[in-house]
Amino acid sequence: ACYADPRAWVMAAYPWGKPGPLQAYTEPRAWQCEVLEWLGDQVTQRGFDGVTPVRAIRAAVSSGHGSGKGALAAMITDFLMSTRADVKGVITANTSAQLQDKTWAAIRWWTQLSFTAHWFEINTTIMYRHGYYASWKCSPQTCAEENSEAFAGQHNVFGTSFYINDEDSNFPNVIHDVQEG
């Protein structure tokens, strides 16, 4: 029901306003909601039928420290992993420390809050749907220039393929070139 509505999925998936870490929040921040709504519009416009490829959705979000970019990356990752069968994704950041300690840590934290948490195994190296290790997964990869080939070969003829680049302005261009392929 939420295939093209990431905001609705995020509102349903996490315990907003309930006892626990999100008790003080009734929804994501306003700017995060705007991005989620925009993403839903983009999904709807493309009308992917499960077979015919569609144009990639590209977005860049610029904001200061502590604004919730990592949380949004986690929400989008959980949305994609939970609403698309056999999805494949790569999460990366400008440094290994940023990737492991912030971006991937946020994904792990938010995934454990999600009502679909029990569908997935998530650890320091991978997130995958139980029973679908080879076909339904995402993982953190460093964006070092010498590691560019780690972004190649993410073919997914019958499903969604995604990249989330945190602190992308510091990425070597070769990473973008390989992702584009």
C-alpha atoms as a PDB file:
ATOM      1  CA  ALA A   1       0.000   0.000   0.000  1.00  0.00           C
ATOM      2  CA  CYS A   2       2.954   2.344   0.546  1.00  0.00           C
ATOM      3  CA  TYR A   3       4.950   1.448  -2.574  1.00  0.00           C
ATOM      4  CA  ALA A   4       4.767   5.036  -3.868  1.00  0.00           C
ATOM      5  CA  ASP A   5       4.208   6.768  -0.524  1.00  0.00           C
ATOM      6  CA  PRO A   6       7.373   6.821   1.570  1.00  0.00           C
ATOM      7  CA  ARG A   7       5.951   9.364   3.993  1.00  0.00           C
ATOM      8  CA  ALA A   8       2.963   7.138   4.798  1.00  0.00           C
ATOM      9  CA  TRP A   9       5.320   4.194   5.237  1.00  0.00           C
ATOM     10  CA  VAL A  10       7.585   6.183   7.587  1.00  0.00           C
ATOM     11  CA  MET A  11       4.584   7.337   9.630  1.00  0.00           C
ATOM     12  CA  ALA A  12       3.348   3.743   9.999  1.00  0.00           C
ATOM     13  CA  ALA A  13       6.710   2.033  10.398  1.00  0.00           C
ATOM     14  CA  TYR A  14       8.155   3.851  13.397  1.00  0.00           C
ATOM     15  CA  PRO A  15       6.692   4.367  16.878  1.00  0.00           C
ATOM     16  CA  TRP A  16       6.162   8.149  16.658  1.00  0.00           C
ATOM     17  CA  GLY A  17       4.894   9.573  19.951  1.00  0.00           C
ATOM     18  CA  LYS A  18       4.931   6.208  21.728  1.00  0.00           C
ATOM     19  CA  PRO A  19       7.046   5.410  24.792  1.00  0.00           C
ATOM     20  CA  GLY A  20      10.663   5.010  23.746  1.00  0.00           C
ATOM     21  CA  PRO A  21      13.184   7.019  21.763  1.00  0.00           C
ATOM     22  CA  LEU A  22      10.565   8.702  19.505  1.00  0.00           C
ATOM     23  CA  GLN A  23       8.132   9.604  22.284  1.00  0.00           C
ATOM     24  CA  ALA A  24       8.778  13.345  21.887  1.00  0.00           C
ATOM     25  CA  TYR A  25       8.164  13.241  18.109  1.00  0.00           C
ATOM     26  CA  THR A  26       4.887  12.910  16.234  1.00  0.00           C
ATOM     27  CA  GLU A  27       6.526  12.714  12.794  1.00  0.00           C
ATOM     28  CA  PRO A  28       9.815  13.370  11.005  1.00  0.00           C
ATOM     29  CA  ARG A  29      11.094  16.932  10.710  1.00  0.00           C
ATOM     30  CA  ALA A  30       9.231  19.135   8.214  1.00  0.00           C
ATOM     31  CA  TRP A  31      12.062  19.094   5.664  1.00  0.00           C
ATOM     32  CA  GLN A  32      12.309  15.289   5.914  1.00  0.00           C
ATOM     33  CA  CYS A  33       8.563  15.029   5.245  1.00  0.00           C
ATOM     34  CA  GLU A  34       8.981  17.262   2.193  1.00  0.00           C
ATOM     35  CA  VAL A  35      11.732  15.017   0.809  1.00  0.00           C
ATOM     36  CA  LEU A  36       9.653  11.880   1.460  1.00  0.00           C
ATOM     37  CA  GLU A  37       6.652  13.435  -0.309  1.00  0.00           C
ATOM     38  CA  TRP A  38       8.842  14.489  -3.239  1.00  0.00           C
ATOM     39  CA  LEU A  39      10.256  10.962  -3.474  1.00  0.00           C
ATOM     40  CA  GLY A  40       6.747   9.512  -3.547  1.00  0.00           C
ATOM     41  CA  ASP A  41       5.817  11.875  -6.381  1.00  0.00           C
ATOM     42  CA  GLN A  42       8.902  10.772  -8.317  1.00  0.00           C
ATOM     43  CA  VAL A  43       8.051   7.077  -7.855  1.00  0.00           C
ATOM     44  CA  THR A  44       4.480   7.704  -9.021  1.00  0.00           C
ATOM     45  CA  GLN A  45       5.596   9.685 -12.081  1.00  0.00           C
ATOM     46  CA  ARG A  46       7.873   6.890 -13.263  1.00  0.00           C
ATOM     47  CA  GLY A  47       5.237   4.152 -12.942  1.00  0.00           C
ATOM     48  CA  PHE A  48       7.677   1.226 -12.778  1.00  0.00           C
ATOM     49  CA  ASP A  49       5.793  -1.904 -13.855  1.00  0.00           C
ATOM     50  CA  GLY A  50       8.310  -4.397 -12.490  1.00  0.00           C
ATOM     51  CA  VAL A  51       9.776  -5.092 -15.930  1.00  0.00           C
ATOM     52  CA  THR A  52      10.369  -1.974 -18.020  1.00  0.00           C
ATOM     53  CA  PRO A  53      13.301   0.122 -16.720  1.00  0.00           C
ATOM     54  CA  VAL A  54      12.568   3.701 -15.660  1.00  0.00           C
ATOM     55  CA  ARG A  55      14.721   6.792 -15.240  1.00  0.00           C
ATOM     56  CA  ALA A  56      16.686   6.853 -11.993  1.00  0.00           C
ATOM     57  CA  ILE A  57      15.502   9.165  -9.238  1.00  0.00           C
ATOM     58  CA  ARG A  58      18.276  11.537  -8.216  1.00  0.00           C
ATOM     59  CA  ALA A  59      18.248  13.999  -5.358  1.00  0.00           C
ATOM     60  CA  ALA A  60      20.702  16.005  -3.316  1.00  0.00           C
ATOM     61  CA  VAL A  61      19.962  17.360   0.143  1.00  0.00           C
ATOM     62  CA  SER A  62      22.176  20.037   1.617  1.00  0.00           C
ATOM     63  CA  SER A  63      21.980  20.991   5.280  1.00  0.00           C
ATOM     64  CA  GLY A  64      24.066  21.582   8.368  1.00  0.00           C
ATOM     65  CA  HIS A  65      25.326  19.154  10.979  1.00  0.00           C
ATOM     66  CA  GLY A  66      22.742  17.463  13.186  1.00  0.00           C
ATOM     67  CA  SER A  67      19.830  18.217  10.869  1.00  0.00           C
ATOM     68  CA  GLY A  68      18.748  14.600  10.443  1.00  0.00           C
ATOM     69  CA  LYS A  69      20.255  13.645   7.064  1.00  0.00           C
ATOM     70  CA  GLY A  70      21.403  10.288   8.452  1.00  0.00           C
ATOM     71  CA  ALA A  71      17.955   9.632   9.881  1.00  0.00           C
ATOM     72  CA  LEU A  72      16.392  10.428   6.507  1.00  0.00           C
ATOM     73  CA  ALA A  73      18.856   8.115   4.740  1.00  0.00           C
ATOM     74  CA  ALA A  74      17.838   5.382   7.185  1.00  0.00           C
ATOM     75  CA  MET A  75      14.118   6.009   6.682  1.00  0.00           C
ATOM     76  CA  ILE A  76      14.520   5.837   2.899  1.00  0.00           C
ATOM     77  CA  THR A  77      16.626   2.688   3.154  1.00  0.00           C
ATOM     78  CA  ASP A  78      14.026   1.005   5.375  1.00  0.00           C
ATOM     79  CA  PHE A  79      11.224   2.159   3.060  1.00  0.00           C
ATOM     80  CA  LEU A  80      12.937   0.691  -0.020  1.00  0.00           C
ATOM     81  CA  MET A  81      13.972  -2.533   1.708  1.00  0.00           C
ATOM     82  CA  SER A  82      10.449  -3.033   3.105  1.00  0.00           C
ATOM     83  CA  THR A  83       8.336  -2.122   0.070  1.00  0.00           C
ATOM     84  CA  ARG A  84      10.240  -3.728  -2.807  1.00  0.00           C
ATOM     85  CA  ALA A  85      10.999  -7.399  -3.302  1.00  0.00           C
ATOM     86  CA  ASP A  86      14.582  -8.262  -4.187  1.00  0.00           C
ATOM     87  CA  VAL A  87      15.855  -4.682  -3.848  1.00  0.00           C
ATOM     88  CA  LYS A  88      19.607  -4.118  -3.948  1.00  0.00           C
ATOM     89  CA  GLY A  89      21.368  -1.121  -2.465  1.00  0.00           C
ATOM     90  CA  VAL A  90      24.702   0.344  -1.501  1.00  0.00           C
ATOM     91  CA  ILE A  91      25.179   2.937   1.199  1.00  0.00           C
ATOM     92  CA  THR A  92      28.360   4.979   1.179  1.00  0.00           C
ATOM     93  CA  ALA A  93      29.906   8.040   2.792  1.00  0.00           C
ATOM     94  CA  ASN A  94      32.942  10.218   2.268  1.00  0.00           C
ATOM     95  CA  THR A  95      35.046   8.448   4.937  1.00  0.00           C
ATOM     96  CA  SER A  96      35.018   5.026   6.526  1.00  0.00           C
ATOM     97  CA  ALA A  97      34.367   6.604   9.941  1.00  0.00           C
ATOM     98  CA  GLN A  98      31.401   8.594   8.590  1.00  0.00           C
ATOM     99  CA  LEU A  99      30.014   5.468   6.959  1.00  0.00           C
ATOM    100  CA  GLN A 100      30.290   3.116   9.929  1.00  0.00           C
ATOM    101  CA  ASP A 101      29.852   5.488  12.873  1.00  0.00           C
ATOM    102  CA  LYS A 102      27.140   7.730  11.461  1.00  0.00           C
ATOM    103  CA  THR A 103      25.364   6.685   8.258  1.00  0.00           C
ATOM    104  CA  TRP A 104      25.291   2.904   8.681  1.00  0.00           C
ATOM    105  CA  ALA A 105      24.836   3.285  12.456  1.00  0.00           C
ATOM    106  CA  ALA A 106      21.731   5.409  11.793  1.00  0.00           C
ATOM    107  CA  ILE A 107      20.375   2.779   9.405  1.00  0.00           C
ATOM    108  CA  ARG A 108      20.900   0.062  11.991  1.00  0.00           C
ATOM    109  CA  TRP A 109      19.242   2.156  14.717  1.00  0.00           C
ATOM    110  CA  TRP A 110      16.185   3.121  12.663  1.00  0.00           C
ATOM    111  CA  THR A 111      15.770  -0.391  11.245  1.00  0.00           C
ATOM    112  CA  GLN A 112      15.532  -1.803  14.765  1.00  0.00           C
ATOM    113  CA  LEU A 113      12.726   0.696  15.508  1.00  0.00           C
ATOM    114  CA  SER A 114      10.781  -0.256  12.385  1.00  0.00           C
ATOM    115  CA  PHE A 115       7.796  -2.562  12.474  1.00  0.00           C
ATOM    116  CA  THR A 116       9.525  -4.599   9.735  1.00  0.00           C
ATOM    117  CA  ALA A 117      12.715  -5.069  11.787  1.00  0.00           C
ATOM    118  CA  HIS A 118      11.998  -8.775  12.220  1.00  0.00           C
ATOM    119  CA  TRP A 119      12.137  -9.244   8.420  1.00  0.00           C
ATOM    120  CA  PHE A 120      15.818  -8.355   8.289  1.00  0.00           C
ATOM    121  CA  GLU A 121      19.247  -9.308   9.506  1.00  0.00           C
ATOM    122  CA  ILE A 122      21.354  -6.195   9.926  1.00  0.00           C
ATOM    123  CA  ASN A 123      24.894  -6.022  11.208  1.00  0.00           C
ATOM    124  CA  THR A 124      28.065  -4.032  10.485  1.00  0.00           C
ATOM    125  CA  THR A 125      28.454  -5.422   6.954  1.00  0.00           C
ATOM    126  CA  ILE A 126      25.004  -6.058   5.465  1.00  0.00           C
ATOM    127  CA  MET A 127      21.244  -5.731   5.760  1.00  0.00           C
ATOM    128  CA  TYR A 128      19.260  -8.500   4.071  1.00  0.00           C
ATOM    129  CA  ARG A 129      15.791 -10.014   4.073  1.00  0.00           C
ATOM    130  CA  HIS A 130      15.749 -13.312   5.944  1.00  0.00           C
ATOM    131  CA  GLY A 131      15.889 -16.108   3.387  1.00  0.00           C
ATOM    132  CA  TYR A 132      17.037 -13.825   0.529  1.00  0.00           C
ATOM    133  CA  TYR A 133      20.680 -13.088   1.278  1.00  0.00           C
ATOM    134  CA  ALA A 134      21.779 -12.999  -2.370  1.00  0.00           C
ATOM    135  CA  SER A 135      18.889 -11.039  -3.862  1.00  0.00           C
ATOM    136  CA  TRP A 136      17.338  -8.660  -1.284  1.00  0.00           C
ATOM    137  CA  LYS A 137      20.008  -6.643   0.454  1.00  0.00           C
ATOM    138  CA  CYS A 138      21.995  -3.479   0.967  1.00  0.00           C
ATOM    139  CA  SER A 139      25.432  -2.934   2.381  1.00  0.00           C
ATOM    140  CA  PRO A 140      27.883  -0.209   3.330  1.00  0.00           C
ATOM    141  CA  GLN A 141      30.802   0.387   0.964  1.00  0.00           C
ATOM    142  CA  THR A 142      33.601   2.899   1.311  1.00  0.00           C
ATOM    143  CA  CYS A 143      33.849   5.422  -1.518  1.00  0.00           C
ATOM    144  CA  ALA A 144      37.622   5.373  -1.855  1.00  0.00           C
ATOM    145  CA  GLU A 145      38.705   5.832  -5.447  1.00  0.00           C
ATOM    146  CA  GLU A 146      40.554   2.509  -5.415  1.00  0.00           C
ATOM    147  CA  ASN A 147      37.297   0.839  -4.286  1.00  0.00           C
ATOM    148  CA  SER A 148      35.205   2.148  -7.208  1.00  0.00           C
ATOM    149  CA  GLU A 149      34.549  -1.307  -8.661  1.00  0.00           C
ATOM    150  CA  ALA A 150      32.594  -2.179  -5.497  1.00  0.00           C
ATOM    151  CA  PHE A 151      29.825  -0.023  -6.996  1.00  0.00           C
ATOM    152  CA  ALA A 152      29.689  -1.928 -10.286  1.00  0.00           C
ATOM    153  CA  GLY A 153      27.490  -4.879 -11.155  1.00  0.00           C
ATOM    154  CA  GLN A 154      24.447  -3.925  -9.096  1.00  0.00           C
ATOM    155  CA  HIS A 155      22.090  -5.136 -11.800  1.00  0.00           C
ATOM    156  CA  ASN A 156      18.518  -5.727 -10.799  1.00  0.00           C
ATOM    157  CA  VAL A 157      16.390  -6.374 -13.870  1.00  0.00           C
ATOM    158  CA  PHE A 158      13.138  -7.047 -11.994  1.00  0.00           C
ATOM    159  CA  GLY A 159      13.473  -4.722  -9.039  1.00  0.00           C
ATOM    160  CA  THR A 160      14.819  -1.586  -7.496  1.00  0.00           C
ATOM    161  CA  SER A 161      18.490  -0.789  -7.271  1.00  0.00           C
ATOM    162  CA  PHE A 162      19.614   2.161  -5.151  1.00  0.00           C
ATOM    163  CA  TYR A 163      22.610   4.100  -3.898  1.00  0.00           C
ATOM    164  CA  ILE A 164      22.651   6.481  -0.963  1.00  0.00           C
ATOM    165  CA  ASN A 165      25.736   8.702  -0.864  1.00  0.00           C
ATOM    166  CA  ASP A 166      26.310  10.579   2.398  1.00  0.00           C
ATOM    167  CA  GLU A 167      28.595  13.628   2.199  1.00  0.00           C
ATOM    168  CA  ASP A 168      28.697  13.156  -1.567  1.00  0.00           C
ATOM    169  CA  SER A 169      30.464  16.430  -2.364  1.00  0.00           C
ATOM    170  CA  ASN A 170      33.712  14.807  -1.197  1.00  0.00           C
ATOM    171  CA  PHE A 171      33.386  11.717  -3.437  1.00  0.00           C
ATOM    172  CA  PRO A 172      35.852  10.993  -6.209  1.00  0.00           C
ATOM    173  CA  ASN A 173      34.161  11.348  -9.616  1.00  0.00           C
ATOM    174  CA  VAL A 174      34.961   7.755 -10.521  1.00  0.00           C
ATOM    175  CA  ILE A 175      32.411   6.605  -7.905  1.00  0.00           C
ATOM    176  CA  HIS A 176      29.667   8.563  -9.681  1.00  0.00           C
ATOM    177  CA  ASP A 177      30.801   7.211 -13.052  1.00  0.00           C
ATOM    178  CA  VAL A 178      30.560   3.607 -11.858  1.00  0.00           C
ATOM    179  CA  GLN A 179      27.198   4.190 -10.119  1.00  0.00           C
ATOM    180  CA  GLU A 180      25.836   5.757 -13.295  1.00  0.00           C
ATOM    181  CA  GLY A 181      26.678   2.595 -15.226  1.00  0.00           C
END
